[in-house]
Structure formats: C-alpha cells, structure tokens
Amino acid sequence: MPKLWRIAPHDPAAVAALQNAAGIPPVVAHLLWSRGIVDPADVRQFLDPKLTGLRPPELLPGVTAAAQLLCDSARAGRRITVYGDYDADGMTATAILVRCLRLLNANVDSYVPHRIDEGYGLNAEALARLASAGADVVVTVDCGIASLDEAAIAADLGLTLVVTDHHHLAATLPRAAAVVHPALPGGNYPFSGLCGAAVAFKLAWAICQLASQNQRVSERFRQFLMQALGLAAIGTVADVVPLLDENRILVRAGLKALREFPSAGTSALMRQTNLNDKPRMDGEDLAFTLAPRLNAAGRLGQAEIGVELLVTDDPVRADKLAAYVDELNLQRQSLERSMTRAAEKQARERFDPSRDAALVLADDQWHAGVVGIVSGRLAEKHAIPCAVVALDPLGVKPGIGSARSVAGFNLHAALAGCSEHLEG
C-alpha cells in the first residue's frame, strides 16, 4: 500500500525557540520537538551521546548479586554454561559473557537452542542434558524471564540459575539465584529499553569491576569491555530496540569500538563484508550487513557457529567462520525470496489484503527460520498484521509461526487473547 505521511502538529514558536537555544537547524528542531526532546541539554545528549553517559552497572536491578555469584563460581571452578538465544542479540549477549568469564579463567561454555527443534528460551530437555554433562551454573542471556516451569526444573536438577533478560515479565519471577532485568519489580532503573546484549554488557562490566577490585577496571578488562561495546552495538541495532537513552550511547561508542578494538571474529566479518574499506561505519552497516549474517546462522539452525565466530581468538578460524556465515546469509536470502513469492500468492488467493483485518498464512514447504522475515515484509506491504506459519510436512509436530504487527495493534495482547489455540 502507498505510505501515508502524517506530520505531527507542532508549535512553531516553541520549535523556533528550541532551534535558537540549541543552535540546530529548523528541521532538526522540529523533529526533536515532535519527539518530546525540548530541553537544549537533552538535545545535546541526543545528538552527541557520550560514553560517560552510561549508568554504572550496579544500578541495573539484580546485577550486583549476579556478578558476585558468577565471580565466586569462577573462582570455585564450578562449570558455568551461558544459555543464549539464536538471534543476533542472543549471540552477541552470549559472546559477551563467555569472553568475560574466560578472562577470569572460568570453566565456561555456551549453549544455544536449535531454532527449529527446540524453539526460543529455556527448555527442560536442554537443562537435563546440561546437568548430566556436569554443568553447575546456568546463566541465561536474552531469555528466561518468563520460563517459570523451566526455572523450577533447573532447581530440581541441582542447577544454580542466573537469569538475565529484557523481555516481557511473567506474572511472577522465575525461581533463580539471581535475576537481572531493567524492569525488575521493585527496581527503579530509568530506562527499560535495553536489549539482551546490553544487559549482558552491564553484567560483564560489573564482573570486571569485581575482578579488578575497583570501579576503574584494569587494562585487560578495559580492552575486553571495548570489544564488548561493539558486540552490544550489534545486538542493540539487530533487536530493533529504540535508539534512545543508553542505547544511543552503546551504538555510537560501539561503532567506534568495532573499528578500534575488534575481536578476531568481528574483524573477520568486517573484512568478509568489505566494511573495512569504508571510512566510517554507521548503524545501517550493523542493521543490514553484520546482523543479517549472524541471524542467518540462527535462522538455518546453526547459531552455535555464530557464537563461535564471536568468541574465537584464532584469526584463521575466524576467517573460515565469517566466510561460512556469509554463505548461510546467501542461502537465507534465496529462501526468503521464494517464500515471500509463495506467501504473496497465498495471500491473494485466500484473502483480500485491501479489506481483511489480518493475514494468517501457512504451508508445509516453508522454512521455520525465515517465517519472521516474510511476515514482516507482508505486514509492511499491506499495512495489516501478518502471521506466517511453517507447518510440519509430516503433520506430527505443531506448526512454527512468526507474526508481525503494525502501528496501533498490540500483537502480544492479540496472541494472548487466543492462547487456547496455541501450543506456546
């Protein structure tokens, strides 16, 4: 559908006053005023975010307890598993904590569930396997806050669970030794828009301070945190959280850190995609070049490859992995094109996108890892909510779907309203 631009009403006198006070062009003053940024000091912070504007990590609810527990576990030689997610935010968050704990000489590994076989978040079978393999501590990143049953199972298995997440809270908190979340009940953190990688970065920062026994971390931890900034920037942009407050700082500083303090993996990925040839990188390079390649690994069931790329210190191995995820992205693009054509055909045959309230499309030949992209494309094109479901070709397992919404329609509430028809 053709896009319809709605220009927000504004007060010309107030915009002119902001323009003069902040020393900015009229169109910038109009845009910022419309966003509610009306104080000249806030304008300067918005347009030129400084790394010093990041809040101390101990202010993030739950961080202090989680950092102390992980430091103690590392010193005691307990086996720590970082349990992540298969998207770019989850991969970068996993890599941040694994790399951090390695600096403490911790006995640490990672686990990322298979997107298609296991699905999102903690699952009982994976926890049982981790426990039987000798894991003592499981720390989630970018998942776990709503996994109430799974947290109880972890406790029954004798696992010490630490949950770090940023998603919607359940009615109660999971049973865990520590929970880190920007919107934790009883907390007063002023910004709830952090992504999973940003939450992991704050926790890693607190761990580095404990290990350094000082708020100013030692040089090797500082070098790590600068690398982690780059990973947090990728996760922030990839997860499409609002680029406000600390997120703006993380992305601004992270873009610089990716050039000045790259890890072996990010360096290889930037070479593979020719980003090293650019005089400077911007947010679109993260959104449309780096993040899609990491996401492609997760979409095609190989998220652990993406995590290995981000944690390896071997440049040769990093180059091979970067080339491989680049190839996976080409495969993802081919799948996406063919599925989008098929979904469009089904939408025309079964619906009237110009009149129907939503699209719900399904096929047993579609790949579950790409349904989210396809639903997003159709929702944007037709300006209505869209759900795309990959059915099991054998008709044995439930279909795996992904839905995307439009402005003004609460998709989470809509799915909750028909939850009796959904397995999860």
Protein backbone atom coordinates (compact mmCIF):
# COMPACT_ATOMS: atom_id res chain seq x y z
CA MET A 1 0.00 0.00 0.00
CA PRO A 2 1.23 3.56 -0.59
CA LYS A 3 2.60 5.16 2.56
CA LEU A 4 0.66 8.00 4.13
CA TRP A 5 2.75 10.62 5.90
CA ARG A 6 1.18 12.27 8.93
CA ILE A 7 3.01 15.42 10.04
CA ALA A 8 2.61 15.82 13.78
CA PRO A 9 1.05 19.11 14.92
CA HIS A 10 3.63 21.47 16.36
CA ASP A 11 4.09 24.86 17.96
CA PRO A 12 6.15 26.98 15.53
CA ALA A 13 7.19 29.40 18.29
CA ALA A 14 8.37 26.58 20.56
CA VAL A 15 10.29 24.95 17.70
CA ALA A 16 11.96 28.26 16.84
CA ALA A 17 12.91 28.76 20.50
CA LEU A 18 14.45 25.28 20.63
CA GLN A 19 16.32 25.96 17.39
CA ASN A 20 17.86 29.13 18.79
CA ALA A 21 18.62 27.73 22.25
CA ALA A 22 20.24 24.54 20.98
CA GLY A 23 21.89 26.03 17.88
CA ILE A 24 20.41 23.45 15.50
CA PRO A 25 18.77 23.67 12.04
CA PRO A 26 14.99 24.26 11.90
CA VAL A 27 14.11 20.80 10.56
CA VAL A 28 16.15 19.13 13.34
CA ALA A 29 14.46 21.31 15.95
CA HIS A 30 11.04 20.36 14.52
CA LEU A 31 11.85 16.63 14.59
CA LEU A 32 13.27 16.70 18.12
CA TRP A 33 10.39 18.83 19.46
CA SER A 34 7.92 16.36 17.95
CA ARG A 35 9.75 13.56 19.79
CA GLY A 36 9.40 15.37 23.08
CA ILE A 37 13.05 16.43 23.27
CA VAL A 38 12.55 20.06 24.20
CA ASP A 39 15.40 20.87 26.58
CA PRO A 40 18.66 22.11 24.99
CA ALA A 41 20.70 19.86 27.31
CA ASP A 42 18.67 16.84 26.21
CA VAL A 43 19.18 17.86 22.59
CA ARG A 44 22.96 17.90 23.05
CA GLN A 45 22.88 14.49 24.74
CA PHE A 46 20.66 13.08 21.98
CA LEU A 47 22.77 14.39 19.11
CA ASP A 48 26.17 13.76 20.71
CA PRO A 49 25.88 10.84 23.15
CA LYS A 50 28.97 10.30 25.31
CA LEU A 51 30.24 7.01 26.72
CA THR A 52 30.38 8.67 30.12
CA GLY A 53 26.59 8.88 29.97
CA LEU A 54 26.21 5.12 30.59
CA ARG A 55 24.82 4.47 34.04
CA PRO A 56 27.00 2.50 36.46
CA PRO A 57 26.26 -1.23 36.15
CA GLU A 58 25.29 -1.65 39.79
CA LEU A 59 22.18 0.46 39.16
CA LEU A 60 20.74 -2.23 36.88
CA PRO A 61 18.44 -4.36 39.06
CA GLY A 62 19.97 -7.68 40.02
CA VAL A 63 23.42 -7.04 38.57
CA THR A 64 25.35 -6.92 41.85
CA ALA A 65 24.08 -10.29 43.07
CA ALA A 66 24.57 -11.93 39.67
CA ALA A 67 28.12 -10.58 39.25
CA GLN A 68 29.16 -11.75 42.71
CA LEU A 69 27.67 -15.21 42.15
CA LEU A 70 29.44 -15.64 38.81
CA CYS A 71 32.78 -14.40 40.17
CA ASP A 72 32.51 -16.78 43.13
CA SER A 73 31.57 -19.64 40.80
CA ALA A 74 34.53 -18.91 38.55
CA ARG A 75 36.95 -18.90 41.50
CA ALA A 76 35.47 -22.16 42.80
CA GLY A 77 35.93 -23.87 39.44
CA ARG A 78 32.21 -24.52 39.01
CA ARG A 79 31.17 -25.24 35.44
CA ILE A 80 29.22 -22.30 34.05
CA THR A 81 27.04 -22.55 30.94
CA VAL A 82 25.86 -19.38 29.23
CA TYR A 83 22.43 -20.22 27.81
CA GLY A 84 21.68 -17.90 24.91
CA ASP A 85 19.33 -17.31 22.04
CA TYR A 86 19.67 -17.92 18.31
CA ASP A 87 19.27 -14.35 17.04
CA ALA A 88 21.96 -11.69 16.71
CA ASP A 89 21.08 -10.15 20.07
CA GLY A 90 21.28 -13.52 21.78
CA MET A 91 24.54 -14.45 20.06
CA THR A 92 26.26 -11.18 20.93
CA ALA A 93 24.99 -11.41 24.52
CA THR A 94 26.30 -14.98 24.79
CA ALA A 95 29.67 -13.98 23.39
CA ILE A 96 30.00 -11.04 25.80
CA LEU A 97 29.53 -13.21 28.89
CA VAL A 98 31.62 -16.13 27.62
CA ARG A 99 34.53 -13.84 26.76
CA CYS A 100 34.20 -12.06 30.10
CA LEU A 101 34.19 -15.24 32.15
CA ARG A 102 37.14 -16.62 30.20
CA LEU A 103 39.14 -13.63 31.45
CA LEU A 104 38.51 -14.98 34.96
CA ASN A 105 39.81 -18.40 33.84
CA ALA A 106 36.32 -19.73 34.50
CA ASN A 107 35.21 -23.18 33.41
CA VAL A 108 32.68 -21.78 30.96
CA ASP A 109 30.90 -22.94 27.83
CA SER A 110 27.76 -21.90 25.96
CA TYR A 111 24.51 -23.43 24.81
CA VAL A 112 22.16 -22.02 22.19
CA PRO A 113 18.91 -23.91 21.49
CA HIS A 114 18.19 -25.03 17.95
CA ARG A 115 15.68 -22.61 16.49
CA ILE A 116 13.50 -25.25 14.84
CA ASP A 117 13.96 -28.33 17.02
CA GLU A 118 13.86 -26.57 20.40
CA GLY A 119 12.49 -23.09 19.89
CA TYR A 120 13.09 -19.99 21.97
CA GLY A 121 14.25 -19.92 25.57
CA LEU A 122 14.92 -22.42 28.31
CA ASN A 123 13.66 -25.93 27.75
CA ALA A 124 13.56 -28.89 30.12
CA GLU A 125 15.38 -31.33 27.85
CA ALA A 126 18.33 -29.00 27.34
CA LEU A 127 18.60 -28.31 31.07
CA ALA A 128 18.62 -32.05 31.78
CA ARG A 129 21.39 -32.57 29.23
CA LEU A 130 23.45 -29.73 30.66
CA ALA A 131 23.06 -31.08 34.20
CA SER A 132 24.05 -34.61 33.15
CA ALA A 133 27.09 -33.18 31.33
CA GLY A 134 28.32 -31.59 34.54
CA ALA A 135 27.03 -28.03 34.44
CA ASP A 136 26.75 -26.38 37.85
CA VAL A 137 25.62 -22.85 36.96
CA VAL A 138 23.38 -21.82 34.05
CA VAL A 139 23.21 -18.12 33.24
CA THR A 140 20.66 -17.09 30.62
CA VAL A 141 21.10 -14.17 28.26
CA ASP A 142 18.25 -12.67 26.24
CA CYS A 143 15.82 -15.27 27.61
CA GLY A 144 14.47 -16.89 30.75
CA ILE A 145 12.41 -14.19 32.44
CA ALA A 146 9.11 -15.92 31.60
CA SER A 147 10.41 -19.52 31.88
CA LEU A 148 8.78 -20.24 35.23
CA ASP A 149 8.35 -24.00 34.81
CA GLU A 150 11.82 -24.44 33.34
CA ALA A 151 13.41 -22.47 36.19
CA ALA A 152 11.74 -24.84 38.67
CA ILE A 153 13.09 -27.80 36.70
CA ALA A 154 16.60 -26.31 36.81
CA ALA A 155 16.36 -26.10 40.60
CA ASP A 156 15.17 -29.71 40.80
CA LEU A 157 18.17 -30.74 38.69
CA GLY A 158 20.51 -29.04 41.16
CA LEU A 159 21.48 -26.25 38.79
CA THR A 160 22.17 -22.74 40.06
CA LEU A 161 20.22 -20.48 37.70
CA VAL A 162 21.00 -16.86 36.91
CA VAL A 163 18.51 -15.14 34.58
CA THR A 164 19.43 -12.06 32.54
CA ASP A 165 16.79 -10.82 30.11
CA HIS A 166 14.89 -7.82 28.79
CA HIS A 167 11.64 -9.36 27.50
CA HIS A 168 8.11 -9.14 28.93
CA LEU A 169 7.88 -10.20 32.57
CA ALA A 170 5.59 -13.06 33.55
CA ALA A 171 3.11 -12.76 36.42
CA THR A 172 5.89 -13.86 38.81
CA LEU A 173 9.65 -14.03 38.60
CA PRO A 174 11.41 -17.30 37.78
CA ARG A 175 12.93 -19.33 40.61
CA ALA A 176 16.57 -18.30 40.31
CA ALA A 177 19.58 -17.40 42.42
CA ALA A 178 19.72 -14.01 40.70
CA VAL A 179 17.58 -12.18 38.15
CA VAL A 180 18.86 -9.25 36.08
CA HIS A 181 16.28 -7.19 34.18
CA PRO A 182 15.92 -3.43 33.57
CA ALA A 183 12.21 -3.52 34.51
CA LEU A 184 12.51 -5.78 37.55
CA PRO A 185 9.66 -5.18 40.03
CA GLY A 186 10.83 -3.05 42.90
CA GLY A 187 13.66 -1.59 40.85
CA ASN A 188 13.84 1.99 39.69
CA TYR A 189 16.07 1.76 36.63
CA PRO A 190 15.12 4.76 34.49
CA PHE A 191 15.41 3.06 31.09
CA SER A 192 13.74 -0.26 30.29
CA GLY A 193 14.64 -0.37 26.59
CA LEU A 194 17.95 -2.26 26.81
CA CYS A 195 18.38 -5.34 24.62
CA GLY A 196 19.77 -8.67 25.80
CA ALA A 197 23.33 -7.84 24.74
CA ALA A 198 23.19 -4.52 26.60
CA VAL A 199 22.04 -6.28 29.77
CA ALA A 200 24.88 -8.79 29.34
CA PHE A 201 27.31 -5.90 28.82
CA LYS A 202 26.24 -4.27 32.08
CA LEU A 203 26.69 -7.58 33.92
CA ALA A 204 30.10 -8.12 32.32
CA TRP A 205 31.11 -4.59 33.35
CA ALA A 206 30.16 -5.34 36.95
CA ILE A 207 32.13 -8.61 36.84
CA CYS A 208 35.18 -6.74 35.53
CA GLN A 209 34.91 -4.25 38.40
CA LEU A 210 34.74 -7.06 40.95
CA ALA A 211 37.70 -8.82 39.39
CA SER A 212 39.67 -5.55 39.34
CA GLN A 213 38.55 -4.72 42.91
CA ASN A 214 37.93 -1.21 41.66
CA GLN A 215 35.31 0.73 39.74
CA ARG A 216 38.12 1.60 37.29
CA VAL A 217 38.87 -1.74 35.72
CA SER A 218 42.38 -2.98 34.92
CA GLU A 219 43.75 -2.62 31.40
CA ARG A 220 42.96 -6.14 30.17
CA PHE A 221 39.37 -5.80 31.34
CA ARG A 222 39.14 -2.36 29.73
CA GLN A 223 40.28 -3.83 26.42
CA PHE A 224 37.64 -6.53 26.73
CA LEU A 225 34.88 -4.04 27.57
CA MET A 226 35.73 -2.00 24.49
CA GLN A 227 35.36 -5.15 22.37
CA ALA A 228 32.12 -5.93 24.19
CA LEU A 229 30.80 -2.46 23.32
CA GLY A 230 31.00 -3.41 19.65
CA LEU A 231 29.06 -6.61 20.28
CA ALA A 232 26.46 -4.74 22.33
CA ALA A 233 26.01 -2.25 19.50
CA ILE A 234 25.32 -5.07 17.03
CA GLY A 235 22.79 -6.62 19.40
CA THR A 236 21.10 -3.28 20.06
CA VAL A 237 20.57 -2.46 16.39
CA ALA A 238 19.69 -6.04 15.44
CA ASP A 239 16.98 -6.25 18.11
CA VAL A 240 15.36 -3.01 16.91
CA VAL A 241 15.09 -1.53 20.39
CA PRO A 242 14.54 2.25 20.47
CA LEU A 243 17.73 4.21 19.82
CA LEU A 244 17.21 6.40 22.86
CA ASP A 245 18.99 6.94 26.15
CA GLU A 246 21.73 4.36 26.78
CA ASN A 247 21.05 2.58 23.50
CA ARG A 248 22.23 5.64 21.57
CA ILE A 249 25.42 5.70 23.63
CA LEU A 250 26.07 1.99 23.13
CA VAL A 251 25.62 2.20 19.36
CA ARG A 252 27.63 5.41 18.97
CA ALA A 253 30.53 4.09 21.08
CA GLY A 254 30.17 0.56 19.72
CA LEU A 255 30.56 1.65 16.11
CA LYS A 256 33.85 3.28 17.03
CA ALA A 257 34.93 0.30 19.11
CA LEU A 258 34.31 -2.12 16.24
CA ARG A 259 36.96 -0.28 14.23
CA GLU A 260 39.44 0.36 17.03
CA PHE A 261 39.01 -2.72 19.25
CA PRO A 262 37.70 -5.53 17.01
CA SER A 263 37.75 -9.13 18.17
CA ALA A 264 39.07 -11.76 15.76
CA GLY A 265 35.50 -12.61 14.80
CA THR A 266 34.14 -9.11 14.23
CA SER A 267 37.32 -8.19 12.35
CA ALA A 268 36.90 -11.21 10.05
CA LEU A 269 33.24 -10.45 9.48
CA MET A 270 34.00 -6.83 8.58
CA ARG A 271 36.69 -7.98 6.13
CA GLN A 272 34.33 -10.53 4.61
CA THR A 273 31.70 -7.84 4.02
CA ASN A 274 34.18 -5.12 2.93
CA LEU A 275 33.19 -2.84 5.80
CA ASN A 276 36.88 -2.28 6.50
CA ASP A 277 37.03 -0.35 3.23
CA LYS A 278 34.55 2.25 4.46
CA PRO A 279 35.99 5.42 6.04
CA ARG A 280 33.42 5.14 8.83
CA MET A 281 30.63 2.77 9.81
CA ASP A 282 27.07 3.67 10.72
CA GLY A 283 24.01 1.98 12.14
CA GLU A 284 22.88 0.71 8.75
CA ASP A 285 26.09 -1.33 8.47
CA LEU A 286 25.07 -3.13 11.65
CA ALA A 287 21.43 -3.50 10.62
CA PHE A 288 21.90 -4.62 7.02
CA THR A 289 25.38 -6.14 6.87
CA LEU A 290 26.63 -7.64 10.15
CA ALA A 291 23.40 -8.56 11.94
CA PRO A 292 21.77 -10.39 8.98
CA ARG A 293 24.76 -12.72 8.70
CA LEU A 294 24.61 -13.62 12.36
CA ASN A 295 20.84 -14.01 12.16
CA ALA A 296 21.19 -16.24 9.10
CA ALA A 297 23.18 -18.76 11.15
CA GLY A 298 20.40 -18.86 13.74
CA ARG A 299 17.61 -18.99 11.16
CA LEU A 300 19.21 -22.01 9.50
CA GLY A 301 19.77 -23.83 12.78
CA GLN A 302 23.48 -23.08 13.18
CA ALA A 303 23.52 -20.39 15.86
CA GLU A 304 26.48 -22.02 17.62
CA ILE A 305 28.57 -21.17 14.54
CA GLY A 306 27.72 -17.51 15.01
CA VAL A 307 28.64 -17.67 18.70
CA GLU A 308 31.92 -19.41 17.91
CA LEU A 309 32.74 -16.67 15.40
CA LEU A 310 32.24 -14.02 18.09
CA VAL A 311 34.22 -15.78 20.83
CA THR A 312 37.17 -17.24 18.93
CA ASP A 313 40.60 -15.63 19.27
CA ASP A 314 42.01 -17.56 16.28
CA PRO A 315 42.13 -15.26 13.20
CA VAL A 316 42.35 -18.19 10.78
CA ARG A 317 39.33 -19.90 12.31
CA ALA A 318 37.50 -16.57 12.38
CA ASP A 319 38.05 -16.05 8.65
CA LYS A 320 36.63 -19.51 7.87
CA LEU A 321 33.60 -18.94 10.08
CA ALA A 322 32.97 -15.47 8.63
CA ALA A 323 33.01 -16.91 5.09
CA TYR A 324 30.62 -19.64 6.20
CA VAL A 325 28.05 -17.33 7.79
CA ASP A 326 28.25 -15.17 4.66
CA GLU A 327 27.28 -18.23 2.62
CA LEU A 328 24.47 -19.02 5.07
CA ASN A 329 23.15 -15.50 4.51
CA LEU A 330 23.02 -16.10 0.76
CA GLN A 331 21.02 -19.27 1.41
CA ARG A 332 18.70 -17.34 3.72
CA GLN A 333 18.13 -14.68 1.04
CA SER A 334 17.21 -17.34 -1.52
CA LEU A 335 14.76 -18.99 0.89
CA GLU A 336 13.27 -15.63 1.78
CA ARG A 337 12.65 -14.67 -1.85
CA SER A 338 10.93 -17.94 -2.74
CA MET A 339 8.84 -17.97 0.45
CA THR A 340 7.78 -14.35 0.02
CA ARG A 341 6.54 -15.06 -3.51
CA ALA A 342 4.60 -18.11 -2.30
CA ALA A 343 3.13 -16.22 0.66
CA GLU A 344 2.05 -13.33 -1.56
CA LYS A 345 0.34 -15.79 -3.90
CA GLN A 346 -1.46 -17.44 -0.97
CA ALA A 347 -2.49 -14.04 0.41
CA ARG A 348 -4.10 -13.08 -2.91
CA GLU A 349 -5.87 -16.44 -3.24
CA ARG A 350 -7.22 -16.74 0.31
CA PHE A 351 -7.55 -13.13 1.47
CA ASP A 352 -8.26 -9.65 0.28
CA PRO A 353 -5.32 -7.73 1.77
CA SER A 354 -7.03 -4.42 0.99
CA ARG A 355 -10.06 -5.33 3.14
CA ASP A 356 -9.20 -8.14 5.54
CA ALA A 357 -8.07 -7.27 9.06
CA ALA A 358 -5.05 -9.59 9.07
CA LEU A 359 -3.21 -12.29 7.13
CA VAL A 360 -2.60 -15.80 8.52
CA LEU A 361 -0.66 -17.91 6.03
CA ALA A 362 0.72 -21.44 6.32
CA ASP A 363 2.48 -24.08 4.23
CA ASP A 364 4.31 -27.33 4.91
CA GLN A 365 7.11 -26.41 2.49
CA TRP A 366 8.16 -23.23 4.28
CA HIS A 367 11.28 -22.96 6.43
CA ALA A 368 10.56 -22.06 10.04
CA GLY A 369 13.70 -19.96 10.29
CA VAL A 370 12.52 -17.44 7.71
CA VAL A 371 8.84 -17.00 8.61
CA GLY A 372 9.55 -13.87 10.66
CA ILE A 373 11.17 -12.03 7.76
CA VAL A 374 8.36 -12.97 5.39
CA SER A 375 5.62 -11.95 7.83
CA GLY A 376 7.41 -8.64 8.37
CA ARG A 377 7.57 -7.94 4.65
CA LEU A 378 3.88 -8.68 4.14
CA ALA A 379 2.79 -6.69 7.20
CA GLU A 380 4.72 -3.68 5.92
CA LYS A 381 3.46 -4.03 2.34
CA HIS A 382 -0.22 -4.45 3.21
CA ALA A 383 -0.25 -2.40 6.46
CA ILE A 384 -2.06 -5.14 8.41
CA PRO A 385 -0.84 -7.68 10.98
CA CYS A 386 0.50 -10.86 9.42
CA ALA A 387 1.33 -14.34 10.74
CA VAL A 388 3.29 -16.85 8.66
CA VAL A 389 3.40 -20.48 9.82
CA ALA A 390 5.73 -23.26 8.72
CA LEU A 391 3.77 -26.49 9.06
CA ASP A 392 5.36 -29.87 9.74
CA PRO A 393 5.47 -31.79 6.41
CA LEU A 394 4.54 -34.99 8.27
CA GLY A 395 1.74 -33.34 10.21
CA VAL A 396 3.10 -34.65 13.50
CA LYS A 397 4.65 -31.60 15.15
CA PRO A 398 2.92 -28.24 15.70
CA GLY A 399 3.46 -25.54 13.13
CA ILE A 400 6.07 -22.91 13.92
CA GLY A 401 4.93 -19.39 13.17
CA SER A 402 6.03 -15.81 13.46
CA ALA A 403 3.87 -12.70 13.38
CA ARG A 404 4.48 -9.01 12.77
CA SER A 405 2.20 -6.12 13.56
CA VAL A 406 1.51 -2.55 12.51
CA ALA A 407 1.32 0.67 14.47
CA GLY A 408 -1.61 0.72 16.87
CA PHE A 409 -2.20 -3.05 17.05
CA ASN A 410 -0.94 -4.88 20.15
CA LEU A 411 0.19 -8.22 18.76
CA HIS A 412 1.21 -9.61 22.17
CA ALA A 413 -2.27 -8.95 23.55
CA ALA A 414 -3.91 -10.42 20.45
CA LEU A 415 -1.94 -13.65 20.73
CA ALA A 416 -2.68 -13.84 24.45
CA GLY A 417 -6.36 -13.46 23.63
CA CYS A 418 -6.34 -16.62 21.53
CA SER A 419 -3.76 -18.55 23.56
CA GLU A 420 -6.08 -21.56 23.93
CA HIS A 421 -5.39 -22.30 20.27
CA LEU A 422 -1.60 -22.07 20.64
CA GLU A 423 0.89 -24.62 21.96
CA GLY A 424 3.14 -21.82 23.18
